[in-house]
Amino acid sequence: MDKQASKEFPEEMKKVLRDTFKQLRDKVLIEVFTGKESTRYTEAATEIIKVFSELTEEIEPKFYALDSAEAKQRGITRSPAILISPDKYRIRYIGAPLGEEARTLIMAIVIASTSGSILSDAALGRLFELKDPRRIQVFVTPTCPYCPQQALNAISAAVALPGLITAETIEMYENRDFIDKYHIVTVPFTVINEVPIGAGVRPGELFAEEVLTLAPADRVSAPLSGDIVELDMVIIGGGPAGLTAGLYAGRSGLKNVVLEKATVGGQVLITPVVENYPGFSRIAGKALVDIMYQQALQYTRISEGEDVIDIKKSDDIFELKTNRRTYRAKGIIIATGAGHRELKIPGERTFYGRGVSYCATCDGYFFKDGRKVVVVGGGNTAVTEALYLHSIGADVSLVHRKDTLRAEAFLRKSLEDRNVPVLWNSVIKEINGDDTVNRIKLQNLKDKSIKEADVEGVFIAVGYTPNNDIAKMLGLKLDRGGYIKADGKQRTSVRMVYAAGDVTGGIKQIATAVGQGAVAAITAFEDLESPYWKKKE
């Protein structure tokens, strides 16, 4: 949102904001600090807050210069800076809240006004054990769909413990000195008390653990006691398959929940543009996820940041223990999707988050000023990533091990039309650098020659591996690739356990996942009403 766009706020957007701001309970003071020189970032920050304040009486804006006494009193040294309820909380946004971060700002205002939180009771309980101050810095970019959740984790913590926790959301592109300081090339990236915790969104319980320990946490134990929730179906996975399964299960009258250990949306969330989903000639992946999410909420409960840690079956009832509570259900639908496949070459893991990435939407913003990057792969995802990087101004080339691309004809033509170079019959043998990536070793598979190339980013899109941990817990039959074996009605090898979406292999398309999610839920309903195995017996 630039100055011109903010002045011409669409009426539909204003209506959504007015409705959102109806939640505000306490008046919110917002202070905006800007430098003497006007930039598009300072103009955008100022204009956004002005528009917000015009839509509700509960937002009180104040504007100060960076060299003012007020800035000195608040300890503000960067422009633009936005402070939310600064007399009550330590919540700051450093940079202009553009793109995805406008959503963070809106939710931060709501949380500050209502003393709300996106953190679970378990996460808040852990935070209340904190004795010493914490300064949480979450580094973000406007195009990162995962960043708002991690930023709102920090903001929720600052509201819960206003005397101990400071939450700063920092836009990376406007504050590039932090890139060098912490060697950040992947967002969201979290630093607590000057200690780099790492990249990615953290479920609330893990986030709280990291705030307390000042160290990365991989997993927290399931609670020894807590609520036991009785359901008909538990759906594990919040991508298109899981959301559709929740919708159809709810419409069938089944009491169900969708559990997503990370962020709802799956691979679609980080797809820049979707052009092959029926009903939309062209739609951003994030926008499509939002539509699916809102529709599914009418029929199911969706719980983000909830990880299934253990499953047991007794007397035809499944008992699932998560990091928050225990569920007892008559059936399970597994829609856990697939994760990015690694190249498994030297330097790939070493430089992950420091130039190696699996998400152009998240991290491409770092390279938008003509910086040289490569995308590895030859399918739809790889070509889409390359086109996106080219569109934002990166100097991008595609590296493909064959002499033809697997991608759809439309994508291949777009690549040709934009003159994106393709290094045919080539593979990356090694990724090198100092603090961040600065070169790669390329091998030509025809003549076996090896050469070095200077690049600053490597985006890997060479396929997927199934997220089959839940399947292994249940002892389901898997194929040679580790994908869950399911029949035409999405039944697995265990009664009342169904699988849908990318975790079953086959054609990995949104339409396929949605179809399988619907079939799985309908089959589950039919099996509960009239068990097929009893007919056979």
Protein backbone atom coordinates (compact mmCIF):
# COMPACT_ATOMS: atom_id res chain seq x y z
CA MET A 1 0.00 0.00 0.00
CA ASP A 2 1.68 3.24 -1.12
CA LYS A 3 0.53 6.79 -0.41
CA GLN A 4 -1.67 6.99 -3.47
CA ALA A 5 -3.26 3.62 -2.76
CA SER A 6 -3.96 4.53 0.86
CA LYS A 7 -5.67 7.74 -0.20
CA GLU A 8 -7.86 5.74 -2.54
CA PHE A 9 -8.79 3.05 -0.03
CA PRO A 10 -11.41 0.83 -1.69
CA GLU A 11 -14.78 1.13 0.02
CA GLU A 12 -14.91 -2.64 0.48
CA MET A 13 -11.63 -2.54 2.38
CA LYS A 14 -12.86 0.34 4.52
CA LYS A 15 -15.96 -1.67 5.37
CA VAL A 16 -13.86 -4.66 6.44
CA LEU A 17 -11.68 -2.40 8.60
CA ARG A 18 -14.68 -0.69 10.19
CA ASP A 19 -16.13 -4.09 11.06
CA THR A 20 -12.77 -5.24 12.45
CA PHE A 21 -12.36 -2.11 14.55
CA LYS A 22 -15.79 -2.66 16.12
CA GLN A 23 -13.95 -5.18 18.31
CA LEU A 24 -11.90 -2.41 19.91
CA ARG A 25 -12.68 -1.99 23.58
CA ASP A 26 -10.13 0.43 25.04
CA LYS A 27 -8.89 3.49 23.18
CA VAL A 28 -5.59 2.84 21.39
CA LEU A 29 -2.93 5.52 21.22
CA ILE A 30 -0.71 5.11 18.16
CA GLU A 31 2.46 7.14 17.88
CA VAL A 32 4.21 7.46 14.51
CA PHE A 33 7.82 8.68 14.32
CA THR A 34 9.35 9.76 11.02
CA GLY A 35 12.61 11.37 9.90
CA LYS A 36 13.01 14.78 8.29
CA GLU A 37 13.33 13.33 4.80
CA SER A 38 10.05 12.06 3.42
CA THR A 39 10.20 8.62 1.78
CA ARG A 40 7.53 6.33 0.40
CA TYR A 41 7.90 4.29 3.59
CA THR A 42 7.34 7.22 5.96
CA GLU A 43 4.48 8.47 3.81
CA ALA A 44 2.86 5.03 3.79
CA ALA A 45 3.20 4.58 7.57
CA THR A 46 1.72 8.02 8.23
CA GLU A 47 -1.11 7.64 5.73
CA ILE A 48 -2.11 4.18 6.97
CA ILE A 49 -2.50 5.35 10.56
CA LYS A 50 -4.43 8.41 9.43
CA VAL A 51 -6.85 6.22 7.48
CA PHE A 52 -7.27 3.84 10.42
CA SER A 53 -8.08 6.72 12.77
CA GLU A 54 -10.72 8.02 10.35
CA LEU A 55 -12.53 4.68 10.47
CA THR A 56 -12.94 4.47 14.26
CA GLU A 57 -12.96 6.83 17.22
CA GLU A 58 -11.04 4.27 19.27
CA ILE A 59 -7.71 4.98 17.53
CA GLU A 60 -5.93 8.17 18.59
CA PRO A 61 -2.95 8.99 16.31
CA LYS A 62 -0.02 11.21 17.18
CA PHE A 63 2.82 12.08 14.83
CA TYR A 64 6.33 13.07 15.88
CA ALA A 65 9.68 13.80 14.28
CA LEU A 66 12.55 11.41 14.84
CA ASP A 67 14.56 14.19 16.49
CA SER A 68 11.74 15.19 18.87
CA ALA A 69 11.77 14.99 22.64
CA GLU A 70 9.06 12.35 22.41
CA ALA A 71 11.29 10.15 20.25
CA LYS A 72 14.12 10.50 22.74
CA GLN A 73 11.80 9.66 25.62
CA ARG A 74 10.55 6.52 23.83
CA GLY A 75 14.05 5.52 22.69
CA ILE A 76 13.11 5.64 19.00
CA THR A 77 16.02 5.90 16.57
CA ARG A 78 14.58 4.47 13.34
CA SER A 79 12.08 5.83 10.84
CA PRO A 80 9.32 5.08 10.34
CA ALA A 81 8.39 3.63 13.73
CA ILE A 82 4.87 2.89 14.94
CA LEU A 83 4.16 2.44 18.66
CA ILE A 84 0.91 0.87 19.82
CA SER A 85 -0.47 1.84 23.25
CA PRO A 86 3.05 2.91 24.32
CA ASP A 87 1.96 4.05 27.80
CA LYS A 88 0.66 0.56 28.51
CA TYR A 89 2.60 -1.88 26.33
CA ARG A 90 5.96 -2.16 24.59
CA ILE A 91 4.74 -2.93 21.07
CA ARG A 92 6.62 -1.44 18.15
CA TYR A 93 6.57 -1.76 14.39
CA ILE A 94 9.79 -0.58 12.73
CA GLY A 95 9.19 0.13 9.05
CA ALA A 96 6.13 0.69 6.91
CA PRO A 97 3.44 -1.98 7.45
CA LEU A 98 3.00 -2.91 3.80
CA GLY A 99 1.64 -6.12 2.29
CA GLU A 100 1.15 -8.94 4.78
CA GLU A 101 2.38 -6.73 7.62
CA ALA A 102 -0.68 -4.48 7.37
CA ARG A 103 -2.54 -7.50 8.74
CA THR A 104 -0.07 -7.71 11.62
CA LEU A 105 -0.63 -4.05 12.46
CA ILE A 106 -4.42 -4.38 12.40
CA MET A 107 -4.37 -7.44 14.66
CA ALA A 108 -1.84 -5.79 16.98
CA ILE A 109 -4.25 -2.88 17.47
CA VAL A 110 -7.09 -5.29 18.24
CA ILE A 111 -4.97 -7.31 20.69
CA ALA A 112 -3.76 -4.16 22.48
CA SER A 113 -7.28 -2.76 22.74
CA THR A 114 -8.89 -5.96 24.02
CA SER A 115 -5.95 -7.36 26.04
CA GLY A 116 -6.29 -10.34 23.72
CA SER A 117 -3.88 -13.06 22.62
CA ILE A 118 -3.35 -15.63 19.91
CA LEU A 119 -1.39 -17.78 22.36
CA SER A 120 -2.93 -20.83 24.01
CA ASP A 121 -3.48 -21.06 27.75
CA ALA A 122 -0.60 -23.52 27.94
CA ALA A 123 1.76 -21.08 26.20
CA LEU A 124 0.63 -18.18 28.38
CA GLY A 125 1.04 -20.30 31.51
CA ARG A 126 4.63 -21.00 30.55
CA LEU A 127 5.28 -17.31 29.84
CA PHE A 128 3.98 -16.34 33.28
CA GLU A 129 7.01 -18.16 34.73
CA LEU A 130 9.25 -15.47 33.23
CA LYS A 131 11.22 -13.40 35.75
CA ASP A 132 13.60 -11.37 33.61
CA PRO A 133 12.95 -8.87 30.78
CA ARG A 134 12.79 -10.05 27.19
CA ARG A 135 13.13 -8.02 23.99
CA ILE A 136 11.63 -10.04 21.14
CA GLN A 137 12.49 -8.90 17.63
CA VAL A 138 10.66 -10.54 14.72
CA PHE A 139 12.14 -9.70 11.31
CA VAL A 140 9.66 -9.75 8.44
CA THR A 141 9.06 -8.81 4.80
CA PRO A 142 5.81 -7.60 3.18
CA THR A 143 5.47 -10.72 1.01
CA CYS A 144 5.94 -13.35 3.73
CA PRO A 145 2.61 -15.06 4.56
CA TYR A 146 4.05 -16.74 7.67
CA CYS A 147 5.43 -13.56 9.26
CA PRO A 148 2.21 -12.18 10.79
CA GLN A 149 1.69 -15.22 13.02
CA GLN A 150 5.19 -15.07 14.51
CA ALA A 151 4.92 -11.29 14.99
CA LEU A 152 1.55 -11.73 16.71
CA ASN A 153 3.07 -14.37 18.99
CA ALA A 154 5.48 -11.70 20.21
CA ILE A 155 2.77 -9.03 20.45
CA SER A 156 0.53 -11.37 22.44
CA ALA A 157 3.42 -12.02 24.83
CA ALA A 158 4.01 -8.28 25.25
CA VAL A 159 0.33 -7.77 26.14
CA ALA A 160 0.37 -10.70 28.58
CA LEU A 161 3.51 -9.45 30.37
CA PRO A 162 3.67 -5.68 29.78
CA GLY A 163 6.30 -5.13 32.43
CA LEU A 164 8.73 -7.71 31.09
CA ILE A 165 8.30 -8.19 27.34
CA THR A 166 9.02 -5.82 24.46
CA ALA A 167 7.79 -6.89 21.01
CA GLU A 168 9.35 -5.34 17.91
CA THR A 169 8.27 -6.24 14.39
CA ILE A 170 11.03 -5.07 12.04
CA GLU A 171 10.68 -4.82 8.28
CA MET A 172 13.92 -6.20 6.88
CA TYR A 173 14.22 -4.37 3.60
CA GLU A 174 14.07 -0.96 5.24
CA ASN A 175 16.49 -2.00 7.98
CA ARG A 176 19.12 -3.90 6.07
CA ASP A 177 21.83 -3.49 8.73
CA PHE A 178 20.12 -6.28 10.68
CA ILE A 179 20.67 -8.63 7.73
CA ASP A 180 24.41 -8.33 8.19
CA LYS A 181 24.24 -8.32 11.98
CA TYR A 182 22.31 -11.59 12.23
CA HIS A 183 23.01 -13.00 8.73
CA ILE A 184 19.30 -13.15 7.93
CA VAL A 185 18.10 -14.25 4.50
CA THR A 186 14.91 -16.05 5.58
CA VAL A 187 11.87 -14.70 7.37
CA PRO A 188 10.26 -14.67 9.80
CA PHE A 189 13.46 -14.58 11.83
CA THR A 190 13.33 -14.18 15.60
CA VAL A 191 15.92 -12.69 17.92
CA ILE A 192 15.39 -12.56 21.69
CA ASN A 193 17.66 -10.44 23.89
CA GLU A 194 20.17 -10.24 21.02
CA VAL A 195 20.23 -14.06 20.76
CA PRO A 196 19.29 -15.37 17.28
CA ILE A 197 16.62 -18.03 17.83
CA GLY A 198 16.10 -18.90 14.18
CA ALA A 199 13.77 -18.79 11.21
CA GLY A 200 10.16 -19.84 10.82
CA VAL A 201 6.82 -19.64 12.57
CA ARG A 202 6.74 -21.32 15.95
CA PRO A 203 3.64 -22.88 17.53
CA GLY A 204 2.71 -20.93 20.66
CA GLU A 205 4.05 -23.48 23.11
CA LEU A 206 7.44 -23.66 21.38
CA PHE A 207 7.56 -19.88 21.12
CA ALA A 208 6.95 -19.54 24.87
CA GLU A 209 9.65 -22.10 25.58
CA GLU A 210 12.13 -20.16 23.46
CA VAL A 211 11.24 -16.89 25.18
CA LEU A 212 11.97 -18.49 28.55
CA THR A 213 15.12 -20.41 27.62
CA LEU A 214 16.63 -18.03 25.03
CA ALA A 215 17.33 -21.08 22.86
CA PRO A 216 15.65 -22.82 19.91
CA ALA A 217 13.12 -25.49 20.89
CA ASP A 218 12.07 -28.38 18.67
CA ARG A 219 9.18 -29.83 20.61
CA VAL A 220 7.38 -29.47 23.92
CA SER A 221 5.94 -32.42 25.79
CA ALA A 222 2.28 -33.23 25.72
CA PRO A 223 0.49 -32.02 28.85
CA LEU A 224 0.23 -34.58 31.62
CA SER A 225 -3.31 -33.46 32.24
CA GLY A 226 -5.82 -31.24 30.51
CA ASP A 227 -9.08 -31.20 28.64
CA ILE A 228 -10.34 -34.35 26.98
CA VAL A 229 -12.40 -33.51 23.91
CA GLU A 230 -14.87 -36.07 22.53
CA LEU A 231 -15.37 -35.88 18.74
CA ASP A 232 -16.53 -37.87 15.77
CA MET A 233 -13.52 -37.01 13.58
CA VAL A 234 -10.11 -35.43 14.03
CA ILE A 235 -8.63 -34.03 10.83
CA ILE A 236 -4.85 -33.63 10.95
CA GLY A 237 -3.51 -31.01 8.55
CA GLY A 238 -4.81 -27.58 7.58
CA GLY A 239 -4.13 -27.41 3.86
CA PRO A 240 -6.83 -27.54 1.14
CA ALA A 241 -7.51 -31.24 1.79
CA GLY A 242 -7.89 -30.80 5.54
CA LEU A 243 -10.01 -27.65 5.30
CA THR A 244 -12.31 -29.30 2.76
CA ALA A 245 -12.58 -32.43 4.89
CA GLY A 246 -13.57 -30.26 7.87
CA LEU A 247 -16.20 -28.47 5.79
CA TYR A 248 -17.76 -31.69 4.46
CA ALA A 249 -17.56 -33.46 7.82
CA GLY A 250 -19.33 -30.56 9.48
CA ARG A 251 -22.02 -30.42 6.79
CA SER A 252 -22.59 -34.14 7.33
CA GLY A 253 -23.27 -33.48 11.00
CA LEU A 254 -19.98 -34.86 12.29
CA LYS A 255 -18.41 -33.09 15.25
CA ASN A 256 -14.84 -32.49 14.14
CA VAL A 257 -11.72 -30.37 14.47
CA VAL A 258 -8.89 -29.51 12.06
CA LEU A 259 -5.47 -29.59 13.74
CA GLU A 260 -2.58 -27.78 12.05
CA LYS A 261 0.79 -27.85 13.79
CA ALA A 262 2.09 -24.83 11.89
CA THR A 263 0.07 -22.37 9.79
CA VAL A 264 -3.13 -23.15 7.90
CA GLY A 265 -2.74 -23.26 4.13
CA GLY A 266 0.00 -25.74 3.33
CA GLN A 267 1.90 -25.24 0.08
CA VAL A 268 -0.86 -23.03 -1.32
CA LEU A 269 -0.08 -20.36 1.26
CA ILE A 270 3.33 -19.70 -0.30
CA THR A 271 2.20 -19.99 -3.93
CA PRO A 272 2.45 -16.49 -5.43
CA VAL A 273 -0.31 -16.97 -8.01
CA VAL A 274 -2.77 -19.82 -8.64
CA GLU A 275 -4.07 -19.91 -12.21
CA ASN A 276 -5.57 -23.39 -12.49
CA TYR A 277 -8.13 -23.59 -9.69
CA PRO A 278 -11.74 -23.70 -10.95
CA GLY A 279 -13.63 -20.48 -10.41
CA PHE A 280 -10.56 -18.24 -10.34
CA SER A 281 -8.66 -17.39 -13.50
CA ARG A 282 -5.94 -15.87 -11.32
CA ILE A 283 -5.72 -15.59 -7.53
CA ALA A 284 -2.92 -15.27 -4.98
CA GLY A 285 -2.37 -18.47 -3.01
CA LYS A 286 -2.77 -16.59 0.26
CA ALA A 287 -6.11 -15.13 -0.86
CA LEU A 288 -7.39 -18.58 -1.85
CA VAL A 289 -6.38 -19.99 1.54
CA ASP A 290 -8.21 -17.16 3.31
CA ILE A 291 -11.41 -17.94 1.38
CA MET A 292 -11.16 -21.65 2.17
CA TYR A 293 -10.38 -20.92 5.83
CA GLN A 294 -13.37 -18.64 6.33
CA GLN A 295 -15.74 -21.11 4.68
CA ALA A 296 -14.42 -24.07 6.68
CA LEU A 297 -14.86 -22.14 9.94
CA GLN A 298 -18.62 -22.28 9.42
CA TYR A 299 -18.54 -26.06 9.88
CA THR A 300 -15.47 -26.95 11.93
CA ARG A 301 -13.10 -25.66 14.55
CA ILE A 302 -9.56 -24.99 13.32
CA SER A 303 -6.64 -25.08 15.74
CA GLU A 304 -3.28 -23.74 14.54
CA GLY A 305 -0.03 -24.54 16.33
CA GLU A 306 -1.42 -27.81 17.68
CA ASP A 307 0.86 -30.78 17.09
CA VAL A 308 -0.21 -34.41 17.46
CA ILE A 309 2.41 -36.12 19.59
CA ASP A 310 0.91 -39.55 20.24
CA ILE A 311 -2.01 -41.69 19.02
CA LYS A 312 -3.44 -44.84 20.56
CA LYS A 313 -6.50 -46.90 19.66
CA SER A 314 -8.69 -48.73 22.15
CA ASP A 315 -12.17 -50.22 21.62
CA ASP A 316 -12.63 -48.49 18.25
CA ILE A 317 -11.79 -45.09 19.74
CA PHE A 318 -8.67 -43.17 18.81
CA GLU A 319 -6.98 -41.18 21.56
CA LEU A 320 -4.81 -38.37 20.20
CA LYS A 321 -2.52 -36.46 22.54
CA THR A 322 -1.38 -33.05 21.34
CA ASN A 323 0.79 -30.33 22.83
CA ARG A 324 -2.41 -28.81 24.25
CA ARG A 325 -4.98 -31.46 25.10
CA THR A 326 -6.29 -34.97 24.45
CA TYR A 327 -8.89 -35.87 21.82
CA ARG A 328 -11.01 -39.01 21.69
CA ALA A 329 -12.47 -39.63 18.23
CA LYS A 330 -14.20 -42.32 16.23
CA GLY A 331 -12.09 -41.62 13.15
CA ILE A 332 -9.13 -39.73 11.75
CA ILE A 333 -8.50 -38.02 8.42
CA ILE A 334 -4.81 -37.48 7.67
CA ALA A 335 -4.13 -34.49 5.42
CA THR A 336 -0.60 -33.64 6.48
CA GLY A 337 0.65 -32.91 2.97
CA ALA A 338 4.25 -33.07 1.82
CA GLY A 339 7.36 -31.07 2.60
CA HIS A 340 10.13 -29.76 0.41
CA ARG A 341 12.63 -32.29 -0.90
CA GLU A 342 16.26 -31.44 -0.28
CA LEU A 343 19.08 -31.67 -2.80
CA LYS A 344 21.24 -33.27 -0.07
CA ILE A 345 24.39 -31.53 -1.22
CA PRO A 346 27.19 -29.88 0.78
CA GLY A 347 26.23 -26.44 2.03
CA GLU A 348 22.46 -26.86 1.65
CA ARG A 349 21.70 -27.20 5.34
CA THR A 350 24.62 -25.04 6.41
CA PHE A 351 23.26 -22.06 4.50
CA TYR A 352 19.54 -22.69 5.02
CA GLY A 353 18.12 -19.35 6.10
CA ARG A 354 21.29 -17.62 4.91
CA GLY A 355 20.73 -17.73 1.16
CA VAL A 356 19.25 -21.21 0.73
CA SER A 357 15.47 -21.14 0.66
CA TYR A 358 12.49 -23.29 -0.29
CA CYS A 359 10.05 -20.35 -0.51
CA ALA A 360 10.45 -17.51 -2.99
CA THR A 361 7.34 -15.76 -1.69
CA CYS A 362 8.85 -15.65 1.80
CA ASP A 363 12.45 -14.77 0.98
CA GLY A 364 12.53 -13.40 -2.55
CA TYR A 365 12.10 -9.86 -1.25
CA PHE A 366 15.73 -9.88 -0.07
CA PHE A 367 16.92 -10.19 -3.67
CA LYS A 368 14.55 -7.81 -5.45
CA ASP A 369 17.17 -5.20 -6.41
CA GLY A 370 18.84 -7.18 -9.16
CA ARG A 371 20.69 -9.59 -6.91
CA LYS A 372 21.69 -12.84 -8.59
CA VAL A 373 19.83 -16.00 -7.62
CA VAL A 374 19.10 -19.44 -9.05
CA VAL A 375 16.02 -21.64 -8.83
CA VAL A 376 16.63 -25.40 -8.96
CA GLY A 377 13.99 -27.60 -10.59
CA GLY A 378 11.92 -28.06 -13.72
CA GLY A 379 8.32 -28.49 -12.62
CA ASN A 380 5.44 -26.08 -12.07
CA THR A 381 6.69 -24.96 -8.67
CA ALA A 382 10.22 -24.20 -9.87
CA VAL A 383 9.05 -22.22 -12.89
CA THR A 384 6.46 -20.33 -10.81
CA GLU A 385 9.17 -19.42 -8.29
CA ALA A 386 11.48 -18.22 -11.07
CA LEU A 387 8.73 -16.10 -12.62
CA TYR A 388 7.92 -14.56 -9.25
CA LEU A 389 11.56 -13.71 -8.54
CA HIS A 390 11.88 -12.18 -12.00
CA SER A 391 8.73 -10.10 -11.43
CA ILE A 392 10.09 -8.51 -8.25
CA GLY A 393 13.41 -7.61 -9.87
CA ALA A 394 15.81 -10.40 -8.97
CA ASP A 395 18.42 -11.53 -11.52
CA VAL A 396 17.20 -15.12 -11.71
CA SER A 397 18.25 -18.21 -13.66
CA LEU A 398 16.73 -21.69 -13.63
CA VAL A 399 18.92 -24.77 -13.12
CA HIS A 400 17.46 -28.01 -14.51
CA ARG A 401 19.03 -31.43 -14.76
CA LYS A 402 17.31 -32.26 -18.09
CA ASP A 403 16.93 -30.56 -21.46
CA THR A 404 13.16 -30.04 -21.20
CA LEU A 405 10.92 -28.72 -18.43
CA ARG A 406 8.09 -30.69 -16.81
CA ALA A 407 6.11 -27.52 -16.15
CA GLU A 408 2.82 -26.77 -17.90
CA ALA A 409 3.01 -25.21 -21.36
CA PHE A 410 1.59 -21.90 -20.12
CA LEU A 411 4.36 -21.56 -17.54
CA ARG A 412 7.06 -22.57 -20.02
CA LYS A 413 5.88 -19.89 -22.43
CA SER A 414 5.86 -17.27 -19.67
CA LEU A 415 9.46 -18.19 -18.85
CA GLU A 416 10.46 -17.79 -22.50
CA ASP A 417 8.56 -14.53 -22.89
CA ARG A 418 10.42 -13.03 -19.94
CA ASN A 419 13.79 -14.32 -21.20
CA VAL A 420 14.64 -16.07 -17.94
CA PRO A 421 17.86 -18.04 -18.59
CA VAL A 422 17.78 -21.82 -18.14
CA LEU A 423 20.94 -23.80 -17.41
CA TRP A 424 20.04 -27.08 -19.09
CA ASN A 425 21.46 -30.51 -18.16
CA SER A 426 22.96 -29.01 -15.03
CA VAL A 427 22.97 -29.71 -11.30
CA ILE A 428 24.34 -27.89 -8.28
CA LYS A 429 27.04 -29.97 -6.62
CA GLU A 430 27.89 -27.63 -3.74
CA ILE A 431 26.74 -24.38 -2.12
CA ASN A 432 29.42 -22.16 -0.63
CA GLY A 433 29.75 -18.83 1.11
CA ASP A 434 30.98 -17.02 4.16
CA ASP A 435 28.19 -15.87 6.45
CA THR A 436 25.72 -16.16 3.57
CA VAL A 437 25.69 -17.84 0.15
CA ASN A 438 27.99 -16.25 -2.42
CA ARG A 439 28.77 -19.01 -4.93
CA ILE A 440 27.78 -22.46 -6.18
CA LYS A 441 29.47 -25.30 -8.02
CA LEU A 442 27.59 -26.34 -11.17
CA GLN A 443 28.10 -29.56 -13.09
CA ASN A 444 27.09 -30.07 -16.69
CA LEU A 445 25.72 -33.62 -16.84
CA LYS A 446 26.62 -34.07 -20.52
CA ASP A 447 30.30 -33.26 -20.51
CA LYS A 448 30.78 -33.63 -16.68
CA SER A 449 32.50 -30.23 -16.55
CA ILE A 450 32.29 -28.26 -13.29
CA LYS A 451 32.31 -24.51 -12.96
CA GLU A 452 31.68 -21.98 -10.20
CA ALA A 453 29.07 -19.25 -10.37
CA ASP A 454 28.57 -16.23 -8.14
CA VAL A 455 25.05 -16.15 -6.69
CA GLU A 456 23.54 -14.76 -3.51
CA GLY A 457 20.49 -16.99 -3.28
CA VAL A 458 19.54 -20.59 -4.08
CA PHE A 459 15.83 -21.45 -4.21
CA ILE A 460 15.20 -25.19 -4.25
CA ALA A 461 12.03 -26.60 -5.84
CA VAL A 462 12.76 -30.22 -6.76
CA GLY A 463 9.66 -31.95 -5.46
CA TYR A 464 8.28 -33.11 -2.15
CA THR A 465 8.54 -35.80 0.51
CA PRO A 466 5.41 -36.94 2.38
CA ASN A 467 4.78 -35.78 5.94
CA ASN A 468 4.02 -39.30 7.12
CA ASP A 469 4.85 -39.23 10.85
CA ILE A 470 1.17 -39.64 11.79
CA ALA A 471 0.83 -42.54 9.36
CA LYS A 472 3.79 -44.26 10.99
CA MET A 473 2.29 -43.77 14.45
CA LEU A 474 -0.81 -45.62 13.26
CA GLY A 475 1.12 -48.28 11.37
CA LEU A 476 -0.51 -47.48 8.03
CA LYS A 477 0.67 -49.11 4.82
CA LEU A 478 2.90 -46.81 2.76
CA ASP A 479 4.13 -47.05 -0.80
CA ARG A 480 7.82 -47.11 -1.78
CA GLY A 481 7.94 -43.32 -1.72
CA GLY A 482 6.55 -43.13 1.81
CA TYR A 483 3.10 -41.93 0.71
CA ILE A 484 0.00 -43.31 2.40
CA LYS A 485 -1.79 -46.04 0.47
CA ALA A 486 -5.48 -45.14 0.12
CA ASP A 487 -8.26 -46.62 -1.99
CA GLY A 488 -10.72 -44.74 -4.21
CA LYS A 489 -12.74 -43.73 -1.15
CA GLN A 490 -9.61 -42.51 0.68
CA ARG A 491 -9.68 -45.42 3.15
CA THR A 492 -6.29 -46.51 4.47
CA SER A 493 -5.16 -49.89 5.82
CA VAL A 494 -6.64 -49.11 9.26
CA ARG A 495 -10.40 -48.89 9.80
CA MET A 496 -11.79 -45.38 10.25
CA VAL A 497 -8.51 -43.80 9.20
CA TYR A 498 -8.58 -41.88 5.92
CA ALA A 499 -5.96 -39.94 3.97
CA ALA A 500 -6.30 -37.06 1.51
CA GLY A 501 -4.12 -34.64 -0.41
CA ASP A 502 -0.40 -34.65 -1.12
CA VAL A 503 0.35 -37.18 1.64
CA THR A 504 -1.23 -39.83 -0.63
CA GLY A 505 1.09 -39.05 -3.56
CA GLY A 506 -0.23 -38.91 -7.09
CA ILE A 507 -1.15 -35.62 -8.73
CA LYS A 508 -0.24 -32.80 -6.38
CA GLN A 509 -2.78 -30.16 -7.29
CA ILE A 510 -5.12 -28.04 -5.17
CA ALA A 511 -8.14 -29.41 -7.03
CA THR A 512 -7.01 -32.98 -6.32
CA ALA A 513 -6.51 -32.28 -2.62
CA VAL A 514 -9.91 -30.61 -2.32
CA GLY A 515 -11.61 -33.53 -4.07
CA GLN A 516 -9.92 -36.12 -1.88
CA GLY A 517 -10.73 -34.15 1.27
CA ALA A 518 -14.42 -34.16 0.34
CA VAL A 519 -14.39 -37.88 -0.48
CA ALA A 520 -12.61 -38.74 2.78
CA ALA A 521 -15.16 -36.87 4.90
CA ILE A 522 -18.17 -38.33 3.06
CA THR A 523 -16.73 -41.85 3.30
CA ALA A 524 -16.09 -41.37 7.02
CA PHE A 525 -19.71 -40.33 7.53
CA GLU A 526 -20.97 -43.35 5.57
CA ASP A 527 -18.70 -45.72 7.51
CA LEU A 528 -19.92 -44.35 10.83
CA GLU A 529 -23.54 -44.73 9.76
CA SER A 530 -23.12 -48.14 8.14
CA PRO A 531 -19.74 -49.79 8.78
CA TYR A 532 -18.69 -51.67 5.65
CA TRP A 533 -16.67 -54.24 7.61
CA LYS A 534 -19.74 -55.34 9.54
CA LYS A 535 -21.54 -56.01 6.26
CA LYS A 536 -18.66 -58.22 5.16
CA GLU A 537 -18.67 -60.07 8.49
